[in-house]
Protein backbone atom coordinates (compact mmCIF):
# COMPACT_ATOMS: atom_id res chain seq x y z
CA UNK A 1 0.27 -0.33 -0.08
CA UNK A 2 1.24 3.47 -0.56
CA UNK A 3 1.71 5.93 2.17
CA UNK A 4 -0.84 8.86 2.43
CA UNK A 5 1.73 11.20 2.73
CA UNK A 6 3.41 10.45 -0.63
CA UNK A 7 0.08 10.43 -2.19
CA UNK A 8 -1.00 13.91 -1.14
CA UNK A 9 2.64 15.02 -2.37
CA UNK A 10 2.17 13.53 -5.65
CA UNK A 11 -1.58 15.13 -5.82
CA UNK A 12 -0.03 18.37 -5.05
CA UNK A 13 2.81 18.18 -7.69
CA UNK A 14 0.44 17.00 -10.16
CA UNK A 15 -1.97 20.38 -9.26
CA UNK A 16 0.95 22.50 -9.45
CA UNK A 17 1.97 21.25 -12.80
CA UNK A 18 -1.82 21.44 -13.96
CA UNK A 19 -1.68 25.11 -13.13
CA UNK A 20 1.58 25.75 -14.65
CA UNK A 21 0.59 24.52 -17.98
CA UNK A 22 -2.92 25.86 -18.06
CA UNK A 23 -1.17 29.21 -17.22
CA UNK A 24 1.43 28.58 -20.15
CA UNK A 25 -1.29 27.72 -22.26
CA UNK A 26 -3.42 31.05 -21.65
CA UNK A 27 -0.22 33.33 -21.79
CA UNK A 28 0.66 31.90 -25.07
CA UNK A 29 -2.90 32.50 -26.25
CA UNK A 30 -3.00 36.17 -24.78
CA UNK A 31 0.60 36.79 -26.79
CA UNK A 32 -0.80 35.73 -29.76
CA UNK A 33 -4.05 37.79 -29.10
CA UNK A 34 -2.03 40.75 -28.66
CA UNK A 35 0.28 40.61 -31.86
CA UNK A 36 -2.79 40.03 -33.91
CA UNK A 37 -4.99 42.67 -32.07
CA UNK A 38 -3.54 44.38 -29.40
CA UNK A 39 -5.92 44.91 -26.31
CA UNK A 40 -8.83 43.78 -27.96
CA UNK A 41 -7.13 40.77 -28.94
CA UNK A 42 -5.98 39.61 -25.24
CA UNK A 43 -9.18 39.93 -23.82
CA UNK A 44 -10.77 37.83 -26.80
CA UNK A 45 -8.23 35.56 -26.17
CA UNK A 46 -8.46 34.88 -22.59
CA UNK A 47 -12.38 34.99 -22.63
CA UNK A 48 -11.97 31.96 -25.39
CA UNK A 49 -9.77 30.11 -22.86
CA UNK A 50 -11.89 30.57 -20.16
CA UNK A 51 -14.70 29.28 -21.94
CA UNK A 52 -12.94 26.24 -23.47
CA UNK A 53 -11.50 25.55 -19.79
CA UNK A 54 -14.96 25.58 -18.68
CA UNK A 55 -16.89 23.79 -21.42
CA UNK A 56 -14.44 21.81 -23.33
CA UNK A 57 -14.52 18.88 -21.23
CA UNK A 58 -18.20 18.60 -21.96
CA UNK A 59 -17.84 18.24 -25.70
CA UNK A 60 -18.67 14.76 -26.53
CA UNK A 61 -15.98 12.87 -28.43
CA UNK A 62 -18.75 11.62 -30.80
CA UNK A 63 -19.31 15.21 -31.79
CA UNK A 64 -15.72 15.84 -32.40
CA UNK A 65 -15.09 12.71 -34.56
CA UNK A 66 -18.32 14.26 -36.28
CA UNK A 67 -16.90 17.43 -36.55
CA UNK A 68 -13.55 16.06 -38.52
CA UNK A 69 -15.29 13.38 -40.51
CA UNK A 70 -13.57 10.64 -39.08
CA UNK A 71 -14.17 7.20 -40.24
CA UNK A 72 -13.44 3.81 -38.71
CA UNK A 73 -9.74 2.24 -39.58
CA UNK A 74 -11.04 -0.95 -40.34
């Protein structure tokens, strides 16, 4: 059995990595928005990022596969 303190340490580490990755992606998205449209682009990029952060996991895989017109391999 894994000790509980090790599990807690790994959970904190995973949370930190997740926050850093999401923050970095939002920063890159904001930079791209700034380069393309200035301050308005930053606001639009951050709004799109927040929207996708909250509603992205709710999109069904079947919808995405239909959107890309995916077909079975076999």
